Amino acid sequence: MPELNFPEIIELIYKEDTRYAKKAYDFVRLGLDYTVKELRKRDPKRAVKSIHVSGPELLQGMRSYALDQFGPLAKTVLSDWGITRCRDFGAIVYNLIEYNVFSKTPDDRLEDFVDLYSFDEAFTTPFLPSAKQASATAHSPADTSTTPAAAQASSPVATPPPSFHA
């Protein structure tokens, strides 16, 4: 039997398990590559030909990769693909292991992917205004002017609206 390429493997997986969009599998494969590169940057000892990535390491890498790729839309994109919690990443990984795309050690378990972080905290919180910014905005004086002329009379320079930075 000829060796299957990645899209063919995803088709086979999808026939058995339709919980996740096909794009989710591409994302996890690219997320693993991203995670390996990041781990090698941080720890030169891991710059060997083959590197094992634990479930928690992969989850952190997937979080960083999703934020890097999709920014504030990360949670929405992942959800659209059927990924709504850490365990979903694990299920995709284990589907890929079953088809020999990924491998695992005897110590690896699906439970390694359970609830390392909440998706709200991981993908929404980084884009909320900081407490300091929110507090300053909440306590800023209200604009009491009711007409453009009154605004010009009270302040010769127009004040731009507040902006929020992640």
N, C-alpha and C. Protein backbone atom coordinates (compact mmCIF):
# COMPACT_ATOMS: atom_id res chain seq x y z
N MET A 1 0.85 -1.18 0.00
CA MET A 1 0.00 0.00 0.00
C MET A 1 0.89 1.24 0.00
N PRO A 2 0.65 2.20 -0.91
CA PRO A 2 1.47 3.40 -0.94
C PRO A 2 1.24 4.25 0.31
N GLU A 3 2.27 5.01 0.65
CA GLU A 3 2.18 5.88 1.82
C GLU A 3 1.22 7.04 1.51
N LEU A 4 0.36 7.36 2.45
CA LEU A 4 -0.63 8.41 2.26
C LEU A 4 -0.04 9.77 2.61
N ASN A 5 -0.48 10.81 1.93
CA ASN A 5 -0.05 12.16 2.29
C ASN A 5 -1.01 12.72 3.34
N PHE A 6 -0.65 13.85 3.89
CA PHE A 6 -1.41 14.41 5.01
C PHE A 6 -2.88 14.65 4.66
N PRO A 7 -3.20 15.29 3.54
CA PRO A 7 -4.63 15.48 3.22
C PRO A 7 -5.40 14.16 3.09
N GLU A 8 -4.77 13.12 2.58
CA GLU A 8 -5.44 11.83 2.48
C GLU A 8 -5.70 11.23 3.86
N ILE A 9 -4.76 11.41 4.75
CA ILE A 9 -4.93 10.92 6.12
C ILE A 9 -6.07 11.66 6.82
N ILE A 10 -6.13 12.97 6.60
CA ILE A 10 -7.19 13.77 7.21
C ILE A 10 -8.55 13.30 6.69
N GLU A 11 -8.63 12.97 5.42
CA GLU A 11 -9.88 12.45 4.85
C GLU A 11 -10.29 11.15 5.56
N LEU A 12 -9.33 10.27 5.80
CA LEU A 12 -9.63 9.01 6.49
C LEU A 12 -10.09 9.27 7.93
N ILE A 13 -9.39 10.17 8.61
CA ILE A 13 -9.79 10.50 9.98
C ILE A 13 -11.19 11.09 9.98
N TYR A 14 -11.44 11.99 9.05
CA TYR A 14 -12.73 12.69 9.00
C TYR A 14 -13.89 11.73 8.74
N LYS A 15 -13.64 10.64 8.05
CA LYS A 15 -14.69 9.64 7.82
C LYS A 15 -15.11 8.97 9.13
N GLU A 16 -14.18 8.89 10.08
CA GLU A 16 -14.45 8.26 11.37
C GLU A 16 -14.84 9.25 12.46
N ASP A 17 -14.34 10.48 12.36
CA ASP A 17 -14.53 11.46 13.43
C ASP A 17 -14.74 12.84 12.80
N THR A 18 -15.99 13.30 12.81
CA THR A 18 -16.32 14.59 12.19
C THR A 18 -16.44 15.73 13.20
N ARG A 19 -15.94 15.52 14.41
CA ARG A 19 -16.06 16.57 15.43
C ARG A 19 -15.28 17.83 15.06
N TYR A 20 -14.19 17.67 14.33
CA TYR A 20 -13.30 18.80 14.06
C TYR A 20 -13.18 19.04 12.56
N ALA A 21 -13.13 20.30 12.19
CA ALA A 21 -12.95 20.65 10.78
C ALA A 21 -11.59 20.16 10.30
N LYS A 22 -11.50 19.91 9.02
CA LYS A 22 -10.23 19.45 8.45
C LYS A 22 -9.12 20.46 8.67
N LYS A 23 -9.46 21.74 8.64
CA LYS A 23 -8.46 22.80 8.88
C LYS A 23 -7.86 22.70 10.28
N ALA A 24 -8.62 22.15 11.23
CA ALA A 24 -8.11 22.00 12.60
C ALA A 24 -6.89 21.09 12.63
N TYR A 25 -6.90 20.07 11.78
CA TYR A 25 -5.77 19.14 11.74
C TYR A 25 -4.52 19.82 11.17
N ASP A 26 -4.71 20.61 10.13
CA ASP A 26 -3.58 21.39 9.58
C ASP A 26 -3.03 22.33 10.65
N PHE A 27 -3.96 22.98 11.36
CA PHE A 27 -3.56 23.92 12.40
C PHE A 27 -2.74 23.24 13.49
N VAL A 28 -3.18 22.06 13.93
CA VAL A 28 -2.45 21.34 14.99
C VAL A 28 -1.08 20.91 14.48
N ARG A 29 -1.00 20.45 13.25
CA ARG A 29 0.30 20.05 12.70
C ARG A 29 1.24 21.26 12.64
N LEU A 30 0.76 22.39 12.16
CA LEU A 30 1.59 23.60 12.11
C LEU A 30 1.89 24.12 13.52
N GLY A 31 0.92 23.96 14.43
CA GLY A 31 1.12 24.37 15.82
C GLY A 31 2.20 23.55 16.50
N LEU A 32 2.29 22.27 16.16
CA LEU A 32 3.37 21.44 16.71
C LEU A 32 4.72 21.93 16.19
N ASP A 33 4.81 22.23 14.91
CA ASP A 33 6.05 22.76 14.35
C ASP A 33 6.45 24.06 15.05
N TYR A 34 5.48 24.94 15.25
CA TYR A 34 5.70 26.21 15.94
C TYR A 34 6.21 25.96 17.36
N THR A 35 5.58 25.03 18.06
CA THR A 35 5.96 24.71 19.44
C THR A 35 7.38 24.18 19.50
N VAL A 36 7.73 23.28 18.60
CA VAL A 36 9.09 22.71 18.58
C VAL A 36 10.12 23.83 18.36
N LYS A 37 9.85 24.72 17.43
CA LYS A 37 10.79 25.84 17.16
C LYS A 37 10.95 26.71 18.40
N GLU A 38 9.83 27.01 19.06
CA GLU A 38 9.89 27.85 20.26
C GLU A 38 10.65 27.16 21.38
N LEU A 39 10.43 25.87 21.57
CA LEU A 39 11.14 25.13 22.62
C LEU A 39 12.64 25.08 22.33
N ARG A 40 13.00 24.93 21.09
CA ARG A 40 14.42 24.91 20.72
C ARG A 40 15.08 26.26 20.93
N LYS A 41 14.34 27.33 20.70
CA LYS A 41 14.88 28.68 20.94
C LYS A 41 15.17 28.89 22.42
N ARG A 42 14.24 28.43 23.26
CA ARG A 42 14.37 28.64 24.70
C ARG A 42 15.37 27.70 25.36
N ASP A 43 15.55 26.50 24.79
CA ASP A 43 16.41 25.51 25.41
C ASP A 43 17.29 24.85 24.34
N PRO A 44 18.52 25.34 24.18
CA PRO A 44 19.41 24.79 23.15
C PRO A 44 19.66 23.29 23.30
N LYS A 45 19.51 22.76 24.51
CA LYS A 45 19.69 21.32 24.72
C LYS A 45 18.65 20.51 23.94
N ARG A 46 17.53 21.15 23.63
CA ARG A 46 16.47 20.45 22.91
C ARG A 46 16.62 20.58 21.39
N ALA A 47 17.72 21.16 20.96
CA ALA A 47 17.96 21.35 19.52
C ALA A 47 18.54 20.09 18.90
N VAL A 48 17.89 18.99 19.13
CA VAL A 48 18.29 17.71 18.55
C VAL A 48 17.39 17.43 17.36
N LYS A 49 17.75 16.42 16.60
CA LYS A 49 17.00 16.12 15.39
C LYS A 49 15.52 15.85 15.68
N SER A 50 15.23 15.03 16.67
CA SER A 50 13.86 14.72 17.03
C SER A 50 13.62 15.21 18.45
N ILE A 51 12.49 15.81 18.68
CA ILE A 51 12.20 16.36 20.00
C ILE A 51 10.81 15.90 20.44
N HIS A 52 10.71 15.48 21.69
CA HIS A 52 9.41 15.10 22.23
C HIS A 52 8.79 16.33 22.87
N VAL A 53 7.53 16.53 22.61
CA VAL A 53 6.78 17.64 23.19
C VAL A 53 5.67 17.04 24.04
N SER A 54 5.62 17.43 25.29
CA SER A 54 4.59 16.91 26.19
C SER A 54 3.24 17.56 25.87
N GLY A 55 2.18 16.96 26.38
CA GLY A 55 0.85 17.53 26.20
C GLY A 55 0.75 18.96 26.69
N PRO A 56 1.16 19.25 27.92
CA PRO A 56 1.10 20.63 28.41
C PRO A 56 1.96 21.60 27.58
N GLU A 57 3.14 21.15 27.14
CA GLU A 57 3.97 22.01 26.28
C GLU A 57 3.26 22.31 24.96
N LEU A 58 2.64 21.29 24.40
CA LEU A 58 1.94 21.49 23.14
C LEU A 58 0.74 22.41 23.34
N LEU A 59 0.02 22.27 24.43
CA LEU A 59 -1.11 23.16 24.68
C LEU A 59 -0.67 24.61 24.78
N GLN A 60 0.44 24.85 25.48
CA GLN A 60 0.95 26.23 25.56
C GLN A 60 1.39 26.73 24.19
N GLY A 61 2.02 25.85 23.43
CA GLY A 61 2.43 26.22 22.08
C GLY A 61 1.25 26.50 21.18
N MET A 62 0.20 25.69 21.29
CA MET A 62 -1.00 25.90 20.48
C MET A 62 -1.65 27.22 20.83
N ARG A 63 -1.66 27.56 22.10
CA ARG A 63 -2.22 28.84 22.54
C ARG A 63 -1.44 29.99 21.91
N SER A 64 -0.12 29.94 22.02
CA SER A 64 0.72 31.01 21.45
C SER A 64 0.56 31.09 19.94
N TYR A 65 0.51 29.94 19.29
CA TYR A 65 0.38 29.90 17.84
C TYR A 65 -0.97 30.48 17.40
N ALA A 66 -2.03 30.11 18.10
CA ALA A 66 -3.36 30.63 17.76
C ALA A 66 -3.42 32.14 17.93
N LEU A 67 -2.86 32.64 19.04
CA LEU A 67 -2.85 34.09 19.26
C LEU A 67 -2.00 34.79 18.20
N ASP A 68 -0.90 34.19 17.83
CA ASP A 68 -0.03 34.75 16.80
C ASP A 68 -0.73 34.78 15.44
N GLN A 69 -1.44 33.73 15.10
CA GLN A 69 -2.07 33.62 13.79
C GLN A 69 -3.38 34.41 13.68
N PHE A 70 -4.17 34.40 14.75
CA PHE A 70 -5.52 34.95 14.65
C PHE A 70 -5.82 36.11 15.59
N GLY A 71 -4.91 36.43 16.50
CA GLY A 71 -5.12 37.55 17.41
C GLY A 71 -6.43 37.42 18.16
N PRO A 72 -7.21 38.50 18.24
CA PRO A 72 -8.46 38.47 19.01
C PRO A 72 -9.52 37.52 18.44
N LEU A 73 -9.32 37.03 17.23
CA LEU A 73 -10.28 36.10 16.64
C LEU A 73 -9.93 34.63 16.91
N ALA A 74 -8.87 34.38 17.65
CA ALA A 74 -8.41 33.00 17.88
C ALA A 74 -9.51 32.11 18.43
N LYS A 75 -10.18 32.54 19.46
CA LYS A 75 -11.22 31.70 20.07
C LYS A 75 -12.35 31.44 19.08
N THR A 76 -12.71 32.42 18.30
CA THR A 76 -13.78 32.28 17.32
C THR A 76 -13.40 31.30 16.22
N VAL A 77 -12.19 31.42 15.70
CA VAL A 77 -11.73 30.52 14.64
C VAL A 77 -11.66 29.09 15.16
N LEU A 78 -11.04 28.90 16.31
CA LEU A 78 -10.93 27.55 16.88
C LEU A 78 -12.31 26.95 17.12
N SER A 79 -13.21 27.74 17.66
CA SER A 79 -14.57 27.27 17.92
C SER A 79 -15.26 26.86 16.62
N ASP A 80 -15.05 27.64 15.58
CA ASP A 80 -15.63 27.32 14.28
C ASP A 80 -15.14 25.96 13.77
N TRP A 81 -13.93 25.59 14.16
CA TRP A 81 -13.36 24.31 13.76
C TRP A 81 -13.72 23.18 14.72
N GLY A 82 -14.47 23.50 15.79
CA GLY A 82 -14.86 22.48 16.76
C GLY A 82 -13.96 22.39 17.96
N ILE A 83 -12.98 23.27 18.05
CA ILE A 83 -12.02 23.25 19.17
C ILE A 83 -12.47 24.29 20.18
N THR A 84 -12.98 23.81 21.32
CA THR A 84 -13.50 24.74 22.33
C THR A 84 -12.88 24.55 23.71
N ARG A 85 -11.99 23.58 23.81
CA ARG A 85 -11.32 23.32 25.10
C ARG A 85 -10.02 22.57 24.83
N CYS A 86 -9.17 22.51 25.81
CA CYS A 86 -7.85 21.87 25.66
C CYS A 86 -7.97 20.42 25.21
N ARG A 87 -8.93 19.71 25.74
CA ARG A 87 -9.11 18.30 25.41
C ARG A 87 -9.32 18.09 23.91
N ASP A 88 -9.89 19.08 23.22
CA ASP A 88 -10.08 18.97 21.77
C ASP A 88 -8.74 18.91 21.05
N PHE A 89 -7.78 19.70 21.49
CA PHE A 89 -6.44 19.60 20.90
C PHE A 89 -5.89 18.19 21.09
N GLY A 90 -6.09 17.64 22.28
CA GLY A 90 -5.62 16.29 22.56
C GLY A 90 -6.29 15.25 21.68
N ALA A 91 -7.59 15.39 21.46
CA ALA A 91 -8.30 14.44 20.60
C ALA A 91 -7.75 14.48 19.17
N ILE A 92 -7.46 15.66 18.68
CA ILE A 92 -6.89 15.78 17.34
C ILE A 92 -5.50 15.14 17.31
N VAL A 93 -4.69 15.42 18.31
CA VAL A 93 -3.35 14.83 18.39
C VAL A 93 -3.46 13.31 18.39
N TYR A 94 -4.35 12.77 19.19
CA TYR A 94 -4.47 11.31 19.28
C TYR A 94 -5.06 10.70 18.00
N ASN A 95 -5.90 11.42 17.29
CA ASN A 95 -6.33 10.95 15.97
C ASN A 95 -5.14 10.87 15.02
N LEU A 96 -4.26 11.87 15.09
CA LEU A 96 -3.07 11.87 14.24
C LEU A 96 -2.07 10.79 14.67
N ILE A 97 -2.00 10.50 15.94
CA ILE A 97 -1.14 9.41 16.43
C ILE A 97 -1.65 8.08 15.89
N GLU A 98 -2.96 7.91 15.90
CA GLU A 98 -3.56 6.66 15.42
C GLU A 98 -3.18 6.37 13.95
N TYR A 99 -2.97 7.42 13.17
CA TYR A 99 -2.60 7.25 11.77
C TYR A 99 -1.10 7.46 11.54
N ASN A 100 -0.33 7.40 12.61
CA ASN A 100 1.14 7.48 12.56
C ASN A 100 1.68 8.79 11.98
N VAL A 101 0.90 9.85 12.07
CA VAL A 101 1.40 11.16 11.67
C VAL A 101 2.25 11.71 12.82
N PHE A 102 1.77 11.56 14.04
CA PHE A 102 2.50 11.93 15.24
C PHE A 102 2.82 10.63 15.97
N SER A 103 3.76 10.72 16.90
CA SER A 103 4.06 9.56 17.74
C SER A 103 3.97 9.98 19.20
N LYS A 104 3.99 9.00 20.06
CA LYS A 104 3.91 9.29 21.49
C LYS A 104 4.84 8.35 22.25
N THR A 105 5.13 8.74 23.48
CA THR A 105 5.92 7.89 24.36
C THR A 105 4.95 7.08 25.21
N PRO A 106 5.44 6.04 25.88
CA PRO A 106 4.55 5.26 26.76
C PRO A 106 3.94 6.09 27.90
N ASP A 107 4.59 7.21 28.25
CA ASP A 107 4.09 8.05 29.33
C ASP A 107 3.03 9.05 28.89
N ASP A 108 2.87 9.26 27.59
CA ASP A 108 1.89 10.22 27.09
C ASP A 108 0.48 9.66 27.21
N ARG A 109 -0.45 10.54 27.60
CA ARG A 109 -1.85 10.15 27.74
C ARG A 109 -2.75 11.27 27.25
N LEU A 110 -3.94 10.92 26.83
CA LEU A 110 -4.91 11.92 26.41
C LEU A 110 -5.23 12.87 27.57
N GLU A 111 -5.18 12.35 28.78
CA GLU A 111 -5.48 13.18 29.96
C GLU A 111 -4.47 14.32 30.15
N ASP A 112 -3.33 14.24 29.47
CA ASP A 112 -2.34 15.33 29.55
C ASP A 112 -2.88 16.62 28.93
N PHE A 113 -3.97 16.50 28.18
CA PHE A 113 -4.54 17.64 27.47
C PHE A 113 -5.81 18.19 28.13
N VAL A 114 -6.04 17.83 29.36
CA VAL A 114 -7.28 18.23 30.01
C VAL A 114 -7.09 19.52 30.79
N ASP A 115 -7.86 20.52 30.43
CA ASP A 115 -8.04 21.75 31.21
C ASP A 115 -6.77 22.42 31.72
N LEU A 116 -5.77 22.55 30.87
CA LEU A 116 -4.59 23.30 31.29
C LEU A 116 -4.94 24.78 31.43
N TYR A 117 -5.84 25.25 30.58
CA TYR A 117 -6.33 26.63 30.66
C TYR A 117 -7.75 26.67 30.12
N SER A 118 -8.47 27.71 30.51
CA SER A 118 -9.81 27.90 29.94
C SER A 118 -9.64 28.71 28.66
N PHE A 119 -10.48 28.45 27.69
CA PHE A 119 -10.36 29.15 26.42
C PHE A 119 -10.68 30.64 26.58
N ASP A 120 -11.61 30.99 27.46
CA ASP A 120 -11.88 32.41 27.70
C ASP A 120 -10.63 33.11 28.21
N GLU A 121 -10.01 32.51 29.22
CA GLU A 121 -8.81 33.11 29.80
C GLU A 121 -7.67 33.17 28.79
N ALA A 122 -7.50 32.12 28.02
CA ALA A 122 -6.37 32.03 27.09
C ALA A 122 -6.52 32.90 25.86
N PHE A 123 -7.74 33.01 25.34
CA PHE A 123 -7.91 33.65 24.04
C PHE A 123 -8.71 34.95 24.07
N THR A 124 -9.34 35.27 25.19
CA THR A 124 -10.11 36.51 25.29
C THR A 124 -9.41 37.52 26.19
N THR A 125 -8.95 37.07 27.35
CA THR A 125 -8.34 37.96 28.34
C THR A 125 -7.18 38.78 27.79
N PRO A 126 -6.31 38.22 26.94
CA PRO A 126 -5.19 39.04 26.45
C PRO A 126 -5.62 40.28 25.67
N PHE A 127 -6.86 40.32 25.23
CA PHE A 127 -7.32 41.44 24.42
C PHE A 127 -8.27 42.37 25.15
N LEU A 128 -8.50 42.10 26.42
CA LEU A 128 -9.31 42.99 27.23
C LEU A 128 -8.45 44.16 27.68
N PRO A 129 -9.04 45.31 27.89
CA PRO A 129 -8.24 46.44 28.38
C PRO A 129 -7.67 46.11 29.75
N SER A 130 -6.48 46.60 30.00
CA SER A 130 -5.87 46.34 31.31
C SER A 130 -6.70 47.02 32.39
N ALA A 131 -6.57 46.56 33.61
CA ALA A 131 -7.32 47.12 34.73
C ALA A 131 -7.03 48.61 34.88
N LYS A 132 -5.78 49.00 34.65
CA LYS A 132 -5.41 50.40 34.80
C LYS A 132 -6.11 51.25 33.74
N GLN A 133 -6.12 50.77 32.49
CA GLN A 133 -6.79 51.51 31.43
C GLN A 133 -8.29 51.57 31.68
N ALA A 134 -8.88 50.47 32.07
CA ALA A 134 -10.32 50.43 32.32
C ALA A 134 -10.69 51.37 33.46
N SER A 135 -9.87 51.39 34.51
CA SER A 135 -10.13 52.25 35.65
C SER A 135 -10.03 53.72 35.26
N ALA A 136 -9.02 54.09 34.49
CA ALA A 136 -8.86 55.47 34.05
C ALA A 136 -10.02 55.91 33.18
N THR A 137 -10.47 55.04 32.30
CA THR A 137 -11.59 55.36 31.42
C THR A 137 -12.87 55.51 32.22
N ALA A 138 -13.07 54.63 33.19
CA ALA A 138 -14.29 54.67 33.99
C ALA A 138 -14.36 55.91 34.86
N HIS A 139 -13.21 56.44 35.25
CA HIS A 139 -13.20 57.60 36.14
C HIS A 139 -12.93 58.91 35.42
N SER A 140 -12.90 58.92 34.09
CA SER A 140 -12.67 60.17 33.38
C SER A 140 -13.93 61.02 33.46
N PRO A 141 -13.75 62.34 33.49
CA PRO A 141 -14.93 63.21 33.61
C PRO A 141 -15.82 63.07 32.38
N ALA A 142 -17.11 63.14 32.61
CA ALA A 142 -18.07 63.03 31.52
C ALA A 142 -18.09 64.30 30.71
N ASP A 143 -18.33 64.18 29.42
CA ASP A 143 -18.44 65.33 28.54
C ASP A 143 -19.81 65.95 28.77
N THR A 144 -19.82 67.18 29.27
CA THR A 144 -21.09 67.83 29.59
C THR A 144 -21.59 68.70 28.46
N SER A 145 -20.79 68.85 27.42
CA SER A 145 -21.23 69.68 26.30
C SER A 145 -22.31 68.96 25.51
N THR A 146 -23.25 69.74 24.98
CA THR A 146 -24.33 69.14 24.22
C THR A 146 -24.30 69.54 22.75
N THR A 147 -23.51 70.54 22.41
CA THR A 147 -23.45 70.98 21.02
C THR A 147 -22.01 71.12 20.60
N PRO A 148 -21.74 71.04 19.29
CA PRO A 148 -20.37 71.22 18.82
C PRO A 148 -19.82 72.59 19.20
N ALA A 149 -20.64 73.63 19.19
CA ALA A 149 -20.18 74.97 19.55
C ALA A 149 -19.75 75.00 21.01
N ALA A 150 -20.53 74.36 21.88
CA ALA A 150 -20.19 74.33 23.30
C ALA A 150 -18.88 73.59 23.50
N ALA A 151 -18.67 72.52 22.74
CA ALA A 151 -17.42 71.77 22.86
C ALA A 151 -16.24 72.60 22.42
N GLN A 152 -16.41 73.37 21.33
CA GLN A 152 -15.31 74.21 20.86
C GLN A 152 -15.03 75.32 21.83
N ALA A 153 -16.07 75.87 22.46
CA ALA A 153 -15.88 76.97 23.41
C ALA A 153 -15.15 76.50 24.65
N SER A 154 -15.42 75.28 25.09
CA SER A 154 -14.80 74.81 26.32
C SER A 154 -13.41 74.25 26.09
N SER A 155 -13.11 73.81 24.87
CA SER A 155 -11.81 73.22 24.60
C SER A 155 -11.41 73.52 23.17
N PRO A 156 -10.33 74.28 22.98
CA PRO A 156 -9.94 74.65 21.62
C PRO A 156 -9.42 73.46 20.81
N VAL A 157 -8.98 72.39 21.48
CA VAL A 157 -8.46 71.21 20.79
C VAL A 157 -9.42 70.05 21.02
N ALA A 158 -9.82 69.41 19.95
CA ALA A 158 -10.71 68.26 20.08
C ALA A 158 -9.94 67.10 20.72
N THR A 159 -10.58 66.43 21.66
CA THR A 159 -9.97 65.29 22.34
C THR A 159 -10.36 64.02 21.59
N PRO A 160 -9.35 63.22 21.18
CA PRO A 160 -9.70 61.99 20.47
C PRO A 160 -10.35 60.99 21.42
N PRO A 161 -11.12 60.06 20.88
CA PRO A 161 -11.74 59.06 21.74
C PRO A 161 -10.67 58.17 22.36
N PRO A 162 -10.97 57.58 23.51
CA PRO A 162 -9.98 56.72 24.15
C PRO A 162 -9.72 55.49 23.28
N SER A 163 -8.49 54.99 23.33
CA SER A 163 -8.18 53.76 22.60
C SER A 163 -7.66 52.73 23.58
N PHE A 164 -7.83 51.48 23.23
CA PHE A 164 -7.43 50.39 24.11
C PHE A 164 -6.34 49.59 23.41
N HIS A 165 -5.32 49.22 24.16
CA HIS A 165 -4.22 48.44 23.63
C HIS A 165 -4.12 47.14 24.40
N ALA A 166 -3.82 46.08 23.68
CA ALA A 166 -3.65 44.77 24.32
C ALA A 166 -2.30 44.71 24.98
